[in-house]
């Protein structure tokens, strides 16, 4: 019994000693942590000898400005002739179209000028594949026009492949299938004057037969393009396209020479390869500033001045991840301007 009592007493004493040791350790650790977290101050005797960090001069600050001409190029910034789309949340307002990045790798848009003329339209493109240097875009567009008894529509389906050949150079190949139908005699009073000219509506209606306005055309257009990007602002763009297969299923009238309608509707019934009558090629330079893109160039085409649609464009772009990042960089650079001094 005495031995048991002695062992029990010894165990209690050892346990108490361990508890006290843990309390001391915790207290010491707490003091150490507090000391480590406390800021280290430079001794007063050494503060007079400390050196002040130098400020940037205005010239140095200007040199550090994040100019787009000095920033690395963005391979997938072009979206009108490539497989790529606007970034999610990005908007492009151009001369020809208004386009919005509605979802990741998905853009939708319309051509406002045609909407105002009563030709309601819309287009969509999805960057379905984006794997390394390869991209695949699938698109569709739809146009419709109604005027009196006339009903006309155009449906287009397209596929574009883009390949990054090397860091500043990409190539793009695509084709577009189009189906165009028209039936019924139009009421000229329901059409804008720019489409009808000075034609009298009453005289026109009296001289037309409904069957003469039945029209159906299918065609496939091939397109090729390449862009060489010198930096984020400057790039060189070469484009070419032509209708290589056309099938006029039905043609019932001689169209007037209005906005190229005669070139489209006055084709002979049957299948053809009208490359020499539909080719378009252009070479253009594009400047991409913070929010404005300008494309200017020259070209050749079977239809006079058709190359202008490829080589001339002006658009305003905002939103999206890339431009938001640039905006923050420029904002930080401007904010730091107050810290500069001298020259």
C-alpha atoms as a PDB file:
ATOM      1  CA  UNK A   1       0.000   0.000   0.000  1.00  0.00           C
ATOM      2  CA  UNK A   2       2.749   2.434   0.885  1.00  0.00           C
ATOM      3  CA  UNK A   3       4.433   1.809  -2.460  1.00  0.00           C
ATOM      4  CA  UNK A   4       1.180   2.357  -4.323  1.00  0.00           C
ATOM      5  CA  UNK A   5       0.537   5.588  -2.407  1.00  0.00           C
ATOM      6  CA  UNK A   6       4.076   6.802  -3.174  1.00  0.00           C
ATOM      7  CA  UNK A   7       3.702   6.078  -6.927  1.00  0.00           C
ATOM      8  CA  UNK A   8       0.365   7.876  -7.013  1.00  0.00           C
ATOM      9  CA  UNK A   9       1.811  10.947  -5.285  1.00  0.00           C
ATOM     10  CA  UNK A  10       4.782  10.979  -7.677  1.00  0.00           C
ATOM     11  CA  UNK A  11       2.437  10.852 -10.725  1.00  0.00           C
ATOM     12  CA  UNK A  12       0.463  13.838  -9.418  1.00  0.00           C
ATOM     13  CA  UNK A  13       3.633  15.858  -8.840  1.00  0.00           C
ATOM     14  CA  UNK A  14       4.948  15.060 -12.390  1.00  0.00           C
ATOM     15  CA  UNK A  15       1.621  15.969 -13.983  1.00  0.00           C
ATOM     16  CA  UNK A  16       1.582  19.303 -12.122  1.00  0.00           C
ATOM     17  CA  UNK A  17       5.152  20.000 -13.248  1.00  0.00           C
ATOM     18  CA  UNK A  18       4.249  19.286 -16.918  1.00  0.00           C
ATOM     19  CA  UNK A  19       1.243  21.612 -16.708  1.00  0.00           C
ATOM     20  CA  UNK A  20       3.356  24.418 -15.271  1.00  0.00           C
ATOM     21  CA  UNK A  21       5.984  23.862 -17.948  1.00  0.00           C
ATOM     22  CA  UNK A  22       3.319  24.061 -20.696  1.00  0.00           C
ATOM     23  CA  UNK A  23       1.941  27.297 -19.216  1.00  0.00           C
ATOM     24  CA  UNK A  24       5.429  28.808 -19.157  1.00  0.00           C
ATOM     25  CA  UNK A  25       6.029  27.673 -22.726  1.00  0.00           C
ATOM     26  CA  UNK A  26       2.723  29.127 -23.891  1.00  0.00           C
ATOM     27  CA  UNK A  27       3.467  32.355 -22.106  1.00  0.00           C
ATOM     28  CA  UNK A  28       6.919  32.494 -23.644  1.00  0.00           C
ATOM     29  CA  UNK A  29       5.563  31.658 -27.116  1.00  0.00           C
ATOM     30  CA  UNK A  30       2.950  34.342 -26.730  1.00  0.00           C
ATOM     31  CA  UNK A  31       5.566  36.875 -25.811  1.00  0.00           C
ATOM     32  CA  UNK A  32       7.734  35.754 -28.722  1.00  0.00           C
ATOM     33  CA  UNK A  33       4.809  36.013 -31.154  1.00  0.00           C
ATOM     34  CA  UNK A  34       4.002  39.467 -29.866  1.00  0.00           C
ATOM     35  CA  UNK A  35       7.597  40.528 -30.278  1.00  0.00           C
ATOM     36  CA  UNK A  36       7.750  39.084 -33.811  1.00  0.00           C
ATOM     37  CA  UNK A  37       4.541  40.855 -34.879  1.00  0.00           C
ATOM     38  CA  UNK A  38       5.638  44.194 -33.475  1.00  0.00           C
ATOM     39  CA  UNK A  39       7.226  46.475 -36.106  1.00  0.00           C
ATOM     40  CA  UNK A  40      10.967  46.846 -35.900  1.00  0.00           C
ATOM     41  CA  UNK A  41      11.909  50.491 -35.523  1.00  0.00           C
ATOM     42  CA  UNK A  42      15.206  51.899 -36.701  1.00  0.00           C
ATOM     43  CA  UNK A  43      17.248  53.102 -33.715  1.00  0.00           C
ATOM     44  CA  UNK A  44      17.156  56.851 -33.186  1.00  0.00           C
ATOM     45  CA  UNK A  45      20.926  57.079 -33.533  1.00  0.00           C
ATOM     46  CA  UNK A  46      20.719  55.634 -37.073  1.00  0.00           C
ATOM     47  CA  UNK A  47      17.670  57.531 -38.346  1.00  0.00           C
ATOM     48  CA  UNK A  48      19.731  60.573 -39.375  1.00  0.00           C
ATOM     49  CA  UNK A  49      21.945  58.376 -41.547  1.00  0.00           C
ATOM     50  CA  UNK A  50      19.012  56.635 -43.354  1.00  0.00           C
ATOM     51  CA  UNK A  51      18.644  57.346 -47.070  1.00  0.00           C
ATOM     52  CA  UNK A  52      15.344  58.477 -48.632  1.00  0.00           C
ATOM     53  CA  UNK A  53      14.071  56.367 -51.544  1.00  0.00           C
ATOM     54  CA  UNK A  54      14.485  58.354 -54.801  1.00  0.00           C
ATOM     55  CA  UNK A  55      11.372  59.593 -56.675  1.00  0.00           C
ATOM     56  CA  UNK A  56      10.804  59.109 -60.393  1.00  0.00           C
ATOM     57  CA  UNK A  57      11.382  62.081 -62.630  1.00  0.00           C
ATOM     58  CA  UNK A  58       8.647  63.162 -65.031  1.00  0.00           C
ATOM     59  CA  UNK A  59      10.679  61.841 -67.933  1.00  0.00           C
ATOM     60  CA  UNK A  60      11.013  58.446 -66.259  1.00  0.00           C
ATOM     61  CA  UNK A  61       7.308  58.377 -65.465  1.00  0.00           C
ATOM     62  CA  UNK A  62       6.476  59.229 -69.083  1.00  0.00           C
ATOM     63  CA  UNK A  63       8.780  56.427 -70.237  1.00  0.00           C
ATOM     64  CA  UNK A  64       6.822  53.960 -68.074  1.00  0.00           C
ATOM     65  CA  UNK A  65       3.478  54.864 -69.704  1.00  0.00           C
ATOM     66  CA  UNK A  66       1.686  51.624 -70.817  1.00  0.00           C
ATOM     67  CA  UNK A  67       1.346  52.567 -74.496  1.00  0.00           C
ATOM     68  CA  UNK A  68      -0.482  50.075 -76.719  1.00  0.00           C
ATOM     69  CA  UNK A  69       2.304  50.361 -79.298  1.00  0.00           C
ATOM     70  CA  UNK A  70       4.714  48.970 -76.676  1.00  0.00           C
ATOM     71  CA  UNK A  71       2.450  46.251 -75.265  1.00  0.00           C
ATOM     72  CA  UNK A  72       2.617  42.678 -76.603  1.00  0.00           C
ATOM     73  CA  UNK A  73       0.197  41.790 -79.385  1.00  0.00           C
ATOM     74  CA  UNK A  74      -3.145  40.075 -78.664  1.00  0.00           C
ATOM     75  CA  UNK A  75      -3.523  37.075 -81.031  1.00  0.00           C
ATOM     76  CA  UNK A  76      -7.315  36.791 -80.842  1.00  0.00           C
ATOM     77  CA  UNK A  77      -8.376  40.446 -80.909  1.00  0.00           C
ATOM     78  CA  UNK A  78      -9.736  40.283 -84.486  1.00  0.00           C
ATOM     79  CA  UNK A  79     -13.262  38.860 -84.581  1.00  0.00           C
ATOM     80  CA  UNK A  80     -14.913  39.798 -87.897  1.00  0.00           C
ATOM     81  CA  UNK A  81     -12.973  37.408 -90.183  1.00  0.00           C
ATOM     82  CA  UNK A  82     -11.621  34.898 -87.623  1.00  0.00           C
ATOM     83  CA  UNK A  83     -12.920  32.003 -85.531  1.00  0.00           C
ATOM     84  CA  UNK A  84     -12.682  34.118 -82.396  1.00  0.00           C
ATOM     85  CA  UNK A  85     -15.328  36.203 -80.633  1.00  0.00           C
ATOM     86  CA  UNK A  86     -15.504  39.238 -78.410  1.00  0.00           C
ATOM     87  CA  UNK A  87     -14.669  38.680 -74.750  1.00  0.00           C
ATOM     88  CA  UNK A  88     -17.513  38.184 -72.308  1.00  0.00           C
ATOM     89  CA  UNK A  89     -18.937  41.630 -71.540  1.00  0.00           C
ATOM     90  CA  UNK A  90     -17.153  43.350 -74.444  1.00  0.00           C
ATOM     91  CA  UNK A  91     -19.113  45.501 -76.913  1.00  0.00           C
ATOM     92  CA  UNK A  92     -18.116  46.622 -80.409  1.00  0.00           C
ATOM     93  CA  UNK A  93     -20.006  49.474 -82.066  1.00  0.00           C
ATOM     94  CA  UNK A  94     -18.916  49.727 -85.706  1.00  0.00           C
ATOM     95  CA  UNK A  95     -19.976  51.310 -88.960  1.00  0.00           C
ATOM     96  CA  UNK A  96     -21.387  48.018 -90.214  1.00  0.00           C
ATOM     97  CA  UNK A  97     -22.553  46.259 -87.058  1.00  0.00           C
ATOM     98  CA  UNK A  98     -23.101  46.360 -83.301  1.00  0.00           C
ATOM     99  CA  UNK A  99     -21.780  43.208 -81.613  1.00  0.00           C
ATOM    100  CA  UNK A 100     -21.822  42.111 -77.958  1.00  0.00           C
ATOM    101  CA  UNK A 101     -19.918  39.358 -76.156  1.00  0.00           C
ATOM    102  CA  UNK A 102     -23.056  37.954 -74.558  1.00  0.00           C
ATOM    103  CA  UNK A 103     -21.481  34.795 -73.107  1.00  0.00           C
ATOM    104  CA  UNK A 104     -17.989  33.316 -72.876  1.00  0.00           C
ATOM    105  CA  UNK A 105     -16.788  32.678 -76.464  1.00  0.00           C
ATOM    106  CA  UNK A 106     -20.206  33.737 -77.824  1.00  0.00           C
ATOM    107  CA  UNK A 107     -21.158  36.982 -79.545  1.00  0.00           C
ATOM    108  CA  UNK A 108     -24.418  38.284 -80.992  1.00  0.00           C
ATOM    109  CA  UNK A 109     -25.147  41.382 -83.041  1.00  0.00           C
ATOM    110  CA  UNK A 110     -27.143  43.231 -85.673  1.00  0.00           C
ATOM    111  CA  UNK A 111     -26.665  45.744 -88.515  1.00  0.00           C
ATOM    112  CA  UNK A 112     -28.581  48.862 -87.387  1.00  0.00           C
ATOM    113  CA  UNK A 113     -28.606  50.553 -90.812  1.00  0.00           C
ATOM    114  CA  UNK A 114     -30.510  47.636 -92.331  1.00  0.00           C
ATOM    115  CA  UNK A 115     -32.873  47.524 -89.349  1.00  0.00           C
ATOM    116  CA  UNK A 116     -33.764  51.173 -90.022  1.00  0.00           C
ATOM    117  CA  UNK A 117     -34.457  50.284 -93.663  1.00  0.00           C
ATOM    118  CA  UNK A 118     -36.861  47.541 -92.604  1.00  0.00           C
ATOM    119  CA  UNK A 119     -34.455  44.674 -93.288  1.00  0.00           C
ATOM    120  CA  UNK A 120     -34.406  43.161 -89.800  1.00  0.00           C
ATOM    121  CA  UNK A 121     -31.374  41.049 -89.098  1.00  0.00           C
ATOM    122  CA  UNK A 122     -29.206  39.360 -86.509  1.00  0.00           C
ATOM    123  CA  UNK A 123     -26.025  37.308 -86.336  1.00  0.00           C
ATOM    124  CA  UNK A 124     -24.348  34.993 -83.836  1.00  0.00           C
ATOM    125  CA  UNK A 125     -20.933  33.321 -83.627  1.00  0.00           C
ATOM    126  CA  UNK A 126     -19.555  30.754 -81.190  1.00  0.00           C
ATOM    127  CA  UNK A 127     -15.861  29.975 -80.774  1.00  0.00           C
ATOM    128  CA  UNK A 128     -16.639  26.259 -80.449  1.00  0.00           C
ATOM    129  CA  UNK A 129     -13.018  25.051 -80.322  1.00  0.00           C
ATOM    130  CA  UNK A 130     -10.043  26.857 -78.823  1.00  0.00           C
ATOM    131  CA  UNK A 131      -7.171  24.420 -78.412  1.00  0.00           C
ATOM    132  CA  UNK A 132      -3.650  25.792 -78.457  1.00  0.00           C
ATOM    133  CA  UNK A 133      -2.961  27.491 -81.799  1.00  0.00           C
ATOM    134  CA  UNK A 134      -6.202  26.201 -83.368  1.00  0.00           C
ATOM    135  CA  UNK A 135      -9.643  27.776 -83.234  1.00  0.00           C
ATOM    136  CA  UNK A 136     -12.977  26.846 -84.814  1.00  0.00           C
ATOM    137  CA  UNK A 137     -15.856  29.291 -85.100  1.00  0.00           C
ATOM    138  CA  UNK A 138     -19.458  28.477 -86.051  1.00  0.00           C
ATOM    139  CA  UNK A 139     -21.766  31.307 -87.044  1.00  0.00           C
ATOM    140  CA  UNK A 140     -25.208  32.121 -88.425  1.00  0.00           C
ATOM    141  CA  UNK A 141     -27.028  35.196 -89.702  1.00  0.00           C
ATOM    142  CA  UNK A 142     -30.599  35.933 -90.727  1.00  0.00           C
ATOM    143  CA  UNK A 143     -32.187  38.765 -92.734  1.00  0.00           C
ATOM    144  CA  UNK A 144     -35.892  39.282 -93.366  1.00  0.00           C
ATOM    145  CA  UNK A 145     -37.934  41.850 -95.289  1.00  0.00           C
ATOM    146  CA  UNK A 146     -41.703  42.247 -95.633  1.00  0.00           C
ATOM    147  CA  UNK A 147     -43.429  44.870 -97.767  1.00  0.00           C
ATOM    148  CA  UNK A 148     -47.050  44.269 -98.712  1.00  0.00           C
ATOM    149  CA  UNK A 149     -47.339  40.812-100.229  1.00  0.00           C
ATOM    150  CA  UNK A 150     -43.569  40.454-100.539  1.00  0.00           C
ATOM    151  CA  UNK A 151     -41.739  38.130 -98.179  1.00  0.00           C
ATOM    152  CA  UNK A 152     -37.985  37.775 -98.437  1.00  0.00           C
ATOM    153  CA  UNK A 153     -35.371  36.223 -96.193  1.00  0.00           C
ATOM    154  CA  UNK A 154     -31.743  35.135 -96.198  1.00  0.00           C
ATOM    155  CA  UNK A 155     -30.198  32.503 -93.945  1.00  0.00           C
ATOM    156  CA  UNK A 156     -26.439  32.054 -93.717  1.00  0.00           C
ATOM    157  CA  UNK A 157     -24.380  29.408 -91.921  1.00  0.00           C
ATOM    158  CA  UNK A 158     -20.612  29.750 -91.657  1.00  0.00           C
ATOM    159  CA  UNK A 159     -17.581  27.876 -90.388  1.00  0.00           C
ATOM    160  CA  UNK A 160     -14.169  29.513 -89.879  1.00  0.00           C
ATOM    161  CA  UNK A 161     -10.861  27.908 -88.872  1.00  0.00           C
ATOM    162  CA  UNK A 162      -8.063  30.023 -87.387  1.00  0.00           C
ATOM    163  CA  UNK A 163      -4.466  28.888 -86.891  1.00  0.00           C
ATOM    164  CA  UNK A 164      -1.704  30.774 -85.089  1.00  0.00           C
ATOM    165  CA  UNK A 165       1.169  30.104 -87.473  1.00  0.00           C
ATOM    166  CA  UNK A 166       3.659  31.851 -85.161  1.00  0.00           C
ATOM    167  CA  UNK A 167       3.426  34.431 -82.368  1.00  0.00           C
ATOM    168  CA  UNK A 168       2.630  37.519 -84.501  1.00  0.00           C
ATOM    169  CA  UNK A 169       0.979  35.809 -87.500  1.00  0.00           C
ATOM    170  CA  UNK A 170      -2.339  33.980 -87.932  1.00  0.00           C
ATOM    171  CA  UNK A 171      -4.189  32.508 -90.917  1.00  0.00           C
ATOM    172  CA  UNK A 172      -7.945  32.000 -91.324  1.00  0.00           C
ATOM    173  CA  UNK A 173      -9.980  29.820 -93.700  1.00  0.00           C
ATOM    174  CA  UNK A 174     -13.743  29.626 -93.912  1.00  0.00           C
ATOM    175  CA  UNK A 175     -16.846  28.977 -95.975  1.00  0.00           C
ATOM    176  CA  UNK A 176     -20.417  30.258 -95.797  1.00  0.00           C
ATOM    177  CA  UNK A 177     -23.592  28.606 -97.078  1.00  0.00           C
ATOM    178  CA  UNK A 178     -26.437  30.992 -97.941  1.00  0.00           C
ATOM    179  CA  UNK A 179     -30.096  30.389 -98.781  1.00  0.00           C
ATOM    180  CA  UNK A 180     -32.048  33.373-100.182  1.00  0.00           C
ATOM    181  CA  UNK A 181     -35.787  33.332-100.963  1.00  0.00           C
ATOM    182  CA  UNK A 182     -38.279  35.927-102.148  1.00  0.00           C
ATOM    183  CA  UNK A 183     -41.942  35.817-103.182  1.00  0.00           C
ATOM    184  CA  UNK A 184     -44.812  38.249-103.687  1.00  0.00           C
ATOM    185  CA  UNK A 185     -44.979  41.741-105.167  1.00  0.00           C
ATOM    186  CA  UNK A 186     -43.633  44.412-102.777  1.00  0.00           C
ATOM    187  CA  UNK A 187     -45.641  47.468-101.753  1.00  0.00           C
ATOM    188  CA  UNK A 188     -43.276  50.347-102.502  1.00  0.00           C
ATOM    189  CA  UNK A 189     -45.057  52.592 -99.992  1.00  0.00           C
ATOM    190  CA  UNK A 190     -43.758  50.315 -97.214  1.00  0.00           C
ATOM    191  CA  UNK A 191     -40.152  50.501 -98.385  1.00  0.00           C
ATOM    192  CA  UNK A 192     -37.683  53.348 -97.725  1.00  0.00           C
ATOM    193  CA  UNK A 193     -37.122  55.703-100.640  1.00  0.00           C
ATOM    194  CA  UNK A 194     -33.444  54.722-100.827  1.00  0.00           C
ATOM    195  CA  UNK A 195     -34.555  51.262-102.012  1.00  0.00           C
ATOM    196  CA  UNK A 196     -37.242  52.344-104.465  1.00  0.00           C
ATOM    197  CA  UNK A 197     -35.897  55.594-105.941  1.00  0.00           C
ATOM    198  CA  UNK A 198     -38.511  57.646-107.777  1.00  0.00           C
ATOM    199  CA  UNK A 199     -40.638  54.694-108.913  1.00  0.00           C
ATOM    200  CA  UNK A 200     -44.392  55.317-108.598  1.00  0.00           C
ATOM    201  CA  UNK A 201     -46.061  52.768-106.337  1.00  0.00           C
ATOM    202  CA  UNK A 202     -49.348  52.665-108.294  1.00  0.00           C
ATOM    203  CA  UNK A 203     -47.660  52.224-111.670  1.00  0.00           C
ATOM    204  CA  UNK A 204     -45.375  49.581-110.234  1.00  0.00           C
ATOM    205  CA  UNK A 205     -48.177  47.534-108.679  1.00  0.00           C
ATOM    206  CA  UNK A 206     -50.210  47.619-111.869  1.00  0.00           C
ATOM    207  CA  UNK A 207     -47.392  46.283-114.008  1.00  0.00           C
ATOM    208  CA  UNK A 208     -46.306  43.358-111.817  1.00  0.00           C
ATOM    209  CA  UNK A 209     -47.352  39.721-111.656  1.00  0.00           C
ATOM    210  CA  UNK A 210     -46.893  37.864-108.337  1.00  0.00           C
ATOM    211  CA  UNK A 211     -45.266  34.859-110.018  1.00  0.00           C
ATOM    212  CA  UNK A 212     -42.568  37.099-111.455  1.00  0.00           C
ATOM    213  CA  UNK A 213     -41.213  37.758-107.959  1.00  0.00           C
ATOM    214  CA  UNK A 214     -40.553  34.162-106.947  1.00  0.00           C
ATOM    215  CA  UNK A 215     -36.834  33.739-106.382  1.00  0.00           C
ATOM    216  CA  UNK A 216     -34.659  31.101-104.716  1.00  0.00           C
ATOM    217  CA  UNK A 217     -30.863  31.029-104.592  1.00  0.00           C
ATOM    218  CA  UNK A 218     -28.291  28.906-102.763  1.00  0.00           C
ATOM    219  CA  UNK A 219     -24.574  29.577-102.811  1.00  0.00           C
ATOM    220  CA  UNK A 220     -21.313  28.823-101.018  1.00  0.00           C
ATOM    221  CA  UNK A 221     -18.655  31.467-100.434  1.00  0.00           C
ATOM    222  CA  UNK A 222     -15.024  30.695 -99.643  1.00  0.00           C
ATOM    223  CA  UNK A 223     -12.896  33.141 -97.668  1.00  0.00           C
ATOM    224  CA  UNK A 224      -9.230  33.407 -96.688  1.00  0.00           C
ATOM    225  CA  UNK A 225      -7.496  35.956 -94.487  1.00  0.00           C
ATOM    226  CA  UNK A 226      -4.264  36.542 -92.621  1.00  0.00           C
ATOM    227  CA  UNK A 227      -3.210  39.130 -90.066  1.00  0.00           C
ATOM    228  CA  UNK A 228       0.295  40.052 -88.952  1.00  0.00           C
ATOM    229  CA  UNK A 229       0.405  41.849 -85.582  1.00  0.00           C
ATOM    230  CA  UNK A 230       3.368  44.111 -84.896  1.00  0.00           C
ATOM    231  CA  UNK A 231       2.099  44.985 -81.402  1.00  0.00           C
ATOM    232  CA  UNK A 232      -1.205  45.556 -79.637  1.00  0.00           C
ATOM    233  CA  UNK A 233      -1.946  48.636 -81.732  1.00  0.00           C
ATOM    234  CA  UNK A 234      -0.651  47.964 -85.268  1.00  0.00           C
ATOM    235  CA  UNK A 235      -1.501  45.064 -87.583  1.00  0.00           C
ATOM    236  CA  UNK A 236      -1.571  44.270 -91.296  1.00  0.00           C
ATOM    237  CA  UNK A 237      -4.609  42.414 -92.696  1.00  0.00           C
ATOM    238  CA  UNK A 238      -5.043  40.608 -96.027  1.00  0.00           C
ATOM    239  CA  UNK A 239      -8.479  39.265 -97.006  1.00  0.00           C
ATOM    240  CA  UNK A 240      -9.957  37.517-100.045  1.00  0.00           C
ATOM    241  CA  UNK A 241     -13.306  35.876-100.790  1.00  0.00           C
ATOM    242  CA  UNK A 242     -15.442  34.663-103.705  1.00  0.00           C
ATOM    243  CA  UNK A 243     -18.592  32.676-104.423  1.00  0.00           C
ATOM    244  CA  UNK A 244     -17.325  29.400-105.867  1.00  0.00           C
ATOM    245  CA  UNK A 245     -20.702  27.596-106.121  1.00  0.00           C
ATOM    246  CA  UNK A 246     -24.113  29.050-106.938  1.00  0.00           C
ATOM    247  CA  UNK A 247     -27.452  27.362-107.609  1.00  0.00           C
ATOM    248  CA  UNK A 248     -30.370  29.491-108.832  1.00  0.00           C
ATOM    249  CA  UNK A 249     -33.403  27.295-108.272  1.00  0.00           C
ATOM    250  CA  UNK A 250     -36.005  29.816-109.367  1.00  0.00           C
ATOM    251  CA  UNK A 251     -35.889  33.278-110.910  1.00  0.00           C
ATOM    252  CA  UNK A 252     -38.980  35.163-111.993  1.00  0.00           C
ATOM    253  CA  UNK A 253     -38.067  38.781-112.722  1.00  0.00           C
ATOM    254  CA  UNK A 254     -35.470  41.305-113.774  1.00  0.00           C
ATOM    255  CA  UNK A 255     -34.344  43.152-110.637  1.00  0.00           C
ATOM    256  CA  UNK A 256     -33.545  46.875-110.705  1.00  0.00           C
ATOM    257  CA  UNK A 257     -29.940  48.060-110.150  1.00  0.00           C
ATOM    258  CA  UNK A 258     -30.549  48.973-106.486  1.00  0.00           C
ATOM    259  CA  UNK A 259     -27.890  48.122-103.847  1.00  0.00           C
ATOM    260  CA  UNK A 260     -26.628  45.329-106.088  1.00  0.00           C
ATOM    261  CA  UNK A 261     -30.002  43.550-106.435  1.00  0.00           C
ATOM    262  CA  UNK A 262     -29.475  43.133-110.177  1.00  0.00           C
ATOM    263  CA  UNK A 263     -26.159  41.323-109.581  1.00  0.00           C
ATOM    264  CA  UNK A 264     -27.868  38.935-107.172  1.00  0.00           C
ATOM    265  CA  UNK A 265     -31.314  38.265-108.663  1.00  0.00           C
ATOM    266  CA  UNK A 266     -30.617  38.454-112.398  1.00  0.00           C
ATOM    267  CA  UNK A 267     -28.653  35.208-112.464  1.00  0.00           C
ATOM    268  CA  UNK A 268     -29.607  32.452-114.842  1.00  0.00           C
ATOM    269  CA  UNK A 269     -31.344  29.377-113.423  1.00  0.00           C
ATOM    270  CA  UNK A 270     -28.901  26.521-112.830  1.00  0.00           C
ATOM    271  CA  UNK A 271     -25.621  25.757-111.109  1.00  0.00           C
ATOM    272  CA  UNK A 272     -22.469  27.778-111.743  1.00  0.00           C
ATOM    273  CA  UNK A 273     -19.078  28.734-110.317  1.00  0.00           C
ATOM    274  CA  UNK A 274     -19.114  32.543-110.543  1.00  0.00           C
ATOM    275  CA  UNK A 275     -15.692  33.198-109.012  1.00  0.00           C
ATOM    276  CA  UNK A 276     -14.701  35.784-111.636  1.00  0.00           C
ATOM    277  CA  UNK A 277     -17.953  37.688-111.008  1.00  0.00           C
ATOM    278  CA  UNK A 278     -17.827  37.669-107.196  1.00  0.00           C
ATOM    279  CA  UNK A 279     -14.181  37.924-106.093  1.00  0.00           C
ATOM    280  CA  UNK A 280     -13.088  40.480-103.482  1.00  0.00           C
ATOM    281  CA  UNK A 281      -9.524  41.041-102.180  1.00  0.00           C
ATOM    282  CA  UNK A 282      -8.077  43.759 -99.961  1.00  0.00           C
ATOM    283  CA  UNK A 283      -4.988  44.744 -97.991  1.00  0.00           C
ATOM    284  CA  UNK A 284      -5.435  47.025 -94.981  1.00  0.00           C
ATOM    285  CA  UNK A 285      -3.631  48.474 -91.974  1.00  0.00           C
ATOM    286  CA  UNK A 286      -5.421  48.529 -88.650  1.00  0.00           C
ATOM    287  CA  UNK A 287      -4.795  50.760 -85.654  1.00  0.00           C
ATOM    288  CA  UNK A 288      -6.263  49.584 -82.339  1.00  0.00           C
ATOM    289  CA  UNK A 289      -6.201  52.278 -79.687  1.00  0.00           C
ATOM    290  CA  UNK A 290      -7.617  52.008 -76.177  1.00  0.00           C
ATOM    291  CA  UNK A 291     -11.233  51.943 -77.341  1.00  0.00           C
ATOM    292  CA  UNK A 292     -11.196  52.828 -81.052  1.00  0.00           C
ATOM    293  CA  UNK A 293     -10.224  50.586 -83.971  1.00  0.00           C
ATOM    294  CA  UNK A 294      -9.585  52.056 -87.431  1.00  0.00           C
ATOM    295  CA  UNK A 295      -8.946  49.983 -90.567  1.00  0.00           C
ATOM    296  CA  UNK A 296      -7.879  51.615 -93.833  1.00  0.00           C
ATOM    297  CA  UNK A 297      -6.740  49.930 -97.043  1.00  0.00           C
ATOM    298  CA  UNK A 298      -7.336  49.250-100.716  1.00  0.00           C
ATOM    299  CA  UNK A 299      -8.396  46.327-102.839  1.00  0.00           C
ATOM    300  CA  UNK A 300      -9.920  44.897-106.003  1.00  0.00           C
ATOM    301  CA  UNK A 301     -13.315  43.321-106.676  1.00  0.00           C
ATOM    302  CA  UNK A 302     -15.517  42.214-109.551  1.00  0.00           C
ATOM    303  CA  UNK A 303     -18.297  44.497-108.285  1.00  0.00           C
ATOM    304  CA  UNK A 304     -16.969  48.079-108.157  1.00  0.00           C
ATOM    305  CA  UNK A 305     -16.088  49.299-104.637  1.00  0.00           C
ATOM    306  CA  UNK A 306     -17.156  46.038-102.977  1.00  0.00           C
ATOM    307  CA  UNK A 307     -13.654  45.797-101.469  1.00  0.00           C
ATOM    308  CA  UNK A 308     -14.473  48.800 -99.257  1.00  0.00           C
ATOM    309  CA  UNK A 309     -16.566  46.537 -97.017  1.00  0.00           C
ATOM    310  CA  UNK A 310     -13.393  44.591 -96.164  1.00  0.00           C
ATOM    311  CA  UNK A 311     -10.736  47.269 -96.062  1.00  0.00           C
ATOM    312  CA  UNK A 312     -12.452  50.202 -94.325  1.00  0.00           C
ATOM    313  CA  UNK A 313     -13.921  50.039 -90.829  1.00  0.00           C
ATOM    314  CA  UNK A 314     -14.235  52.228 -87.749  1.00  0.00           C
ATOM    315  CA  UNK A 315     -15.434  50.838 -84.438  1.00  0.00           C
ATOM    316  CA  UNK A 316     -15.595  51.678 -80.752  1.00  0.00           C
ATOM    317  CA  UNK A 317     -14.886  48.822 -78.329  1.00  0.00           C
ATOM    318  CA  UNK A 318     -15.274  48.735 -74.575  1.00  0.00           C
ATOM    319  CA  UNK A 319     -15.612  46.197 -71.772  1.00  0.00           C
ATOM    320  CA  UNK A 320     -14.066  42.757 -71.572  1.00  0.00           C
ATOM    321  CA  UNK A 321     -11.123  41.451 -69.564  1.00  0.00           C
ATOM    322  CA  UNK A 322      -8.299  42.744 -71.791  1.00  0.00           C
ATOM    323  CA  UNK A 323      -9.472  46.339 -72.032  1.00  0.00           C
ATOM    324  CA  UNK A 324     -10.432  46.416 -68.339  1.00  0.00           C
ATOM    325  CA  UNK A 325      -6.879  45.355 -67.449  1.00  0.00           C
ATOM    326  CA  UNK A 326      -5.467  48.077 -69.700  1.00  0.00           C
ATOM    327  CA  UNK A 327      -7.763  50.639 -68.082  1.00  0.00           C
ATOM    328  CA  UNK A 328      -6.486  49.716 -64.607  1.00  0.00           C
ATOM    329  CA  UNK A 329      -2.868  49.954 -65.795  1.00  0.00           C
ATOM    330  CA  UNK A 330      -3.453  53.427 -67.222  1.00  0.00           C
ATOM    331  CA  UNK A 331      -5.352  54.532 -64.127  1.00  0.00           C
ATOM    332  CA  UNK A 332      -2.482  53.434 -61.866  1.00  0.00           C
ATOM    333  CA  UNK A 333       0.043  55.160 -64.115  1.00  0.00           C
ATOM    334  CA  UNK A 334      -1.897  58.447 -64.019  1.00  0.00           C
ATOM    335  CA  UNK A 335      -2.355  58.225 -60.250  1.00  0.00           C
ATOM    336  CA  UNK A 336       1.405  57.863 -59.745  1.00  0.00           C
ATOM    337  CA  UNK A 337       2.044  61.048 -61.696  1.00  0.00           C
ATOM    338  CA  UNK A 338       1.710  63.122 -58.508  1.00  0.00           C
ATOM    339  CA  UNK A 339       4.708  61.273 -56.996  1.00  0.00           C
ATOM    340  CA  UNK A 340       7.090  62.480 -59.684  1.00  0.00           C
ATOM    341  CA  UNK A 341       9.265  65.539 -59.373  1.00  0.00           C
ATOM    342  CA  UNK A 342      11.624  67.620 -61.431  1.00  0.00           C
ATOM    343  CA  UNK A 343      12.276  66.704 -65.026  1.00  0.00           C
END
